[in-house]
């Protein structure tokens, strides 16, 4: 299998690699959050059997401790690929390579 090199993001894209622990299915989901979009962000657990919604709030380009801000619209809803889910914590670079392979139809 050919090595997959992560694609660079534009410097002003605002995408930041993040993760969260899902208390519903006891696993980790890895995703890229667009900090260029202020407001509420909904991230759906990548476990196909769970799909629990998690909330993040971005203000002035920074992810805050708030989970949801009443009165603000949803800025972004993210549903990561199943390969972004793991029962154990994984290095972020490994996640990116697996997601790229999945996107082009290669098994991991």
C-alpha atoms as a PDB file:
ATOM      1  CA  UNK A   1       0.000   0.000   0.000  1.00  0.00           C
ATOM      2  CA  UNK A   2       1.343   3.436  -0.916  1.00  0.00           C
ATOM      3  CA  UNK A   3       2.194   5.880   1.856  1.00  0.00           C
ATOM      4  CA  UNK A   4      -0.398   8.652   2.116  1.00  0.00           C
ATOM      5  CA  UNK A   5       1.032  12.071   2.945  1.00  0.00           C
ATOM      6  CA  UNK A   6      -1.425  14.394   4.743  1.00  0.00           C
ATOM      7  CA  UNK A   7      -2.620  17.241   2.547  1.00  0.00           C
ATOM      8  CA  UNK A   8      -1.686  20.696   3.863  1.00  0.00           C
ATOM      9  CA  UNK A   9      -4.503  23.016   4.851  1.00  0.00           C
ATOM     10  CA  UNK A  10      -4.455  26.653   3.744  1.00  0.00           C
ATOM     11  CA  UNK A  11      -2.919  28.797   6.481  1.00  0.00           C
ATOM     12  CA  UNK A  12      -6.101  30.830   6.876  1.00  0.00           C
ATOM     13  CA  UNK A  13      -8.481  27.854   6.856  1.00  0.00           C
ATOM     14  CA  UNK A  14      -9.094  27.958  10.614  1.00  0.00           C
ATOM     15  CA  UNK A  15      -9.300  24.156  10.841  1.00  0.00           C
ATOM     16  CA  UNK A  16      -7.922  22.769  14.092  1.00  0.00           C
ATOM     17  CA  UNK A  17      -7.533  19.051  14.850  1.00  0.00           C
ATOM     18  CA  UNK A  18      -9.520  18.196  18.003  1.00  0.00           C
ATOM     19  CA  UNK A  19     -10.761  15.154  19.827  1.00  0.00           C
ATOM     20  CA  UNK A  20     -13.339  14.313  22.480  1.00  0.00           C
ATOM     21  CA  UNK A  21     -14.243  11.440  24.749  1.00  0.00           C
ATOM     22  CA  UNK A  22     -17.801  10.254  24.132  1.00  0.00           C
ATOM     23  CA  UNK A  23     -19.422   9.275  27.422  1.00  0.00           C
ATOM     24  CA  UNK A  24     -22.222   7.446  25.570  1.00  0.00           C
ATOM     25  CA  UNK A  25     -20.009   4.814  23.888  1.00  0.00           C
ATOM     26  CA  UNK A  26     -16.744   5.239  25.856  1.00  0.00           C
ATOM     27  CA  UNK A  27     -14.536   6.056  22.887  1.00  0.00           C
ATOM     28  CA  UNK A  28     -12.637   8.875  21.200  1.00  0.00           C
ATOM     29  CA  UNK A  29     -13.622  10.844  18.088  1.00  0.00           C
ATOM     30  CA  UNK A  30     -11.088  12.939  16.159  1.00  0.00           C
ATOM     31  CA  UNK A  31     -12.186  15.823  13.921  1.00  0.00           C
ATOM     32  CA  UNK A  32     -11.207  19.198  12.468  1.00  0.00           C
ATOM     33  CA  UNK A  33     -13.107  22.157  13.883  1.00  0.00           C
ATOM     34  CA  UNK A  34     -13.316  25.360  11.840  1.00  0.00           C
ATOM     35  CA  UNK A  35     -12.324  28.125  14.265  1.00  0.00           C
ATOM     36  CA  UNK A  36     -12.850  30.711  11.508  1.00  0.00           C
ATOM     37  CA  UNK A  37     -16.608  30.263  12.101  1.00  0.00           C
ATOM     38  CA  UNK A  38     -17.770  31.816  15.373  1.00  0.00           C
ATOM     39  CA  UNK A  39     -20.786  30.182  16.985  1.00  0.00           C
ATOM     40  CA  UNK A  40     -22.101  26.769  17.980  1.00  0.00           C
ATOM     41  CA  UNK A  41     -20.497  23.700  16.456  1.00  0.00           C
ATOM     42  CA  UNK A  42     -22.155  20.280  16.631  1.00  0.00           C
ATOM     43  CA  UNK A  43     -19.875  17.243  16.349  1.00  0.00           C
ATOM     44  CA  UNK A  44     -21.465  13.821  15.950  1.00  0.00           C
ATOM     45  CA  UNK A  45     -19.663  10.830  17.468  1.00  0.00           C
ATOM     46  CA  UNK A  46     -17.924   8.859  14.701  1.00  0.00           C
ATOM     47  CA  UNK A  47     -18.993   5.506  16.187  1.00  0.00           C
ATOM     48  CA  UNK A  48     -21.671   4.313  13.711  1.00  0.00           C
ATOM     49  CA  UNK A  49     -23.561   2.633  16.575  1.00  0.00           C
ATOM     50  CA  UNK A  50     -23.592   5.774  18.752  1.00  0.00           C
ATOM     51  CA  UNK A  51     -23.949   9.084  16.810  1.00  0.00           C
ATOM     52  CA  UNK A  52     -24.183  11.059  20.093  1.00  0.00           C
ATOM     53  CA  UNK A  53     -24.025  14.833  19.525  1.00  0.00           C
ATOM     54  CA  UNK A  54     -21.308  16.878  21.229  1.00  0.00           C
ATOM     55  CA  UNK A  55     -21.221  20.667  21.310  1.00  0.00           C
ATOM     56  CA  UNK A  56     -18.411  23.217  21.108  1.00  0.00           C
ATOM     57  CA  UNK A  57     -18.620  27.011  21.027  1.00  0.00           C
ATOM     58  CA  UNK A  58     -16.146  29.209  19.120  1.00  0.00           C
ATOM     59  CA  UNK A  59     -15.823  32.926  19.892  1.00  0.00           C
ATOM     60  CA  UNK A  60     -13.295  35.237  18.218  1.00  0.00           C
ATOM     61  CA  UNK A  61     -11.556  32.241  16.662  1.00  0.00           C
ATOM     62  CA  UNK A  62     -11.037  30.431  19.980  1.00  0.00           C
ATOM     63  CA  UNK A  63     -12.723  27.276  21.279  1.00  0.00           C
ATOM     64  CA  UNK A  64     -14.324  28.239  24.604  1.00  0.00           C
ATOM     65  CA  UNK A  65     -15.249  26.175  27.662  1.00  0.00           C
ATOM     66  CA  UNK A  66     -18.929  26.747  26.804  1.00  0.00           C
ATOM     67  CA  UNK A  67     -20.599  23.739  25.221  1.00  0.00           C
ATOM     68  CA  UNK A  68     -23.540  25.583  23.669  1.00  0.00           C
ATOM     69  CA  UNK A  69     -24.481  29.249  23.553  1.00  0.00           C
ATOM     70  CA  UNK A  70     -28.235  29.890  23.600  1.00  0.00           C
ATOM     71  CA  UNK A  71     -29.467  32.337  21.006  1.00  0.00           C
ATOM     72  CA  UNK A  72     -26.673  31.631  18.527  1.00  0.00           C
ATOM     73  CA  UNK A  73     -27.141  29.665  15.324  1.00  0.00           C
ATOM     74  CA  UNK A  74     -25.315  26.461  14.476  1.00  0.00           C
ATOM     75  CA  UNK A  75     -22.139  27.520  12.644  1.00  0.00           C
ATOM     76  CA  UNK A  76     -21.134  24.018  11.601  1.00  0.00           C
ATOM     77  CA  UNK A  77     -22.275  20.415  12.005  1.00  0.00           C
ATOM     78  CA  UNK A  78     -19.511  17.830  11.666  1.00  0.00           C
ATOM     79  CA  UNK A  79     -20.063  14.112  11.114  1.00  0.00           C
ATOM     80  CA  UNK A  80     -16.608  12.487  10.994  1.00  0.00           C
ATOM     81  CA  UNK A  81     -15.890   9.264   9.104  1.00  0.00           C
ATOM     82  CA  UNK A  82     -16.052   6.017  11.127  1.00  0.00           C
ATOM     83  CA  UNK A  83     -12.239   5.780  10.964  1.00  0.00           C
ATOM     84  CA  UNK A  84     -12.109   8.864  13.211  1.00  0.00           C
ATOM     85  CA  UNK A  85     -13.400   6.713  16.111  1.00  0.00           C
ATOM     86  CA  UNK A  86     -11.290   4.637  18.471  1.00  0.00           C
ATOM     87  CA  UNK A  87     -11.732   2.904  21.812  1.00  0.00           C
ATOM     88  CA  UNK A  88      -8.167   3.954  22.685  1.00  0.00           C
ATOM     89  CA  UNK A  89      -6.465   7.317  22.301  1.00  0.00           C
ATOM     90  CA  UNK A  90      -4.421   7.512  19.075  1.00  0.00           C
ATOM     91  CA  UNK A  91      -1.803   9.951  17.773  1.00  0.00           C
ATOM     92  CA  UNK A  92      -3.445  12.649  15.622  1.00  0.00           C
ATOM     93  CA  UNK A  93      -1.149  11.976  12.614  1.00  0.00           C
ATOM     94  CA  UNK A  94      -2.230   8.342  12.454  1.00  0.00           C
ATOM     95  CA  UNK A  95      -5.884   9.410  12.392  1.00  0.00           C
ATOM     96  CA  UNK A  96      -5.260  11.735   9.437  1.00  0.00           C
ATOM     97  CA  UNK A  97      -3.574   8.981   7.412  1.00  0.00           C
ATOM     98  CA  UNK A  98      -6.386   6.483   8.126  1.00  0.00           C
ATOM     99  CA  UNK A  99      -9.065   9.002   7.159  1.00  0.00           C
ATOM    100  CA  UNK A 100      -7.296   9.760   3.879  1.00  0.00           C
ATOM    101  CA  UNK A 101      -7.018   6.044   3.044  1.00  0.00           C
ATOM    102  CA  UNK A 102     -10.691   5.558   3.848  1.00  0.00           C
ATOM    103  CA  UNK A 103     -11.635   8.521   1.624  1.00  0.00           C
ATOM    104  CA  UNK A 104      -9.928   6.937  -1.400  1.00  0.00           C
ATOM    105  CA  UNK A 105     -11.350   3.472  -0.687  1.00  0.00           C
ATOM    106  CA  UNK A 106      -8.304   1.746   0.811  1.00  0.00           C
ATOM    107  CA  UNK A 107      -8.687  -0.465   3.869  1.00  0.00           C
ATOM    108  CA  UNK A 108      -6.544   0.328   6.876  1.00  0.00           C
END
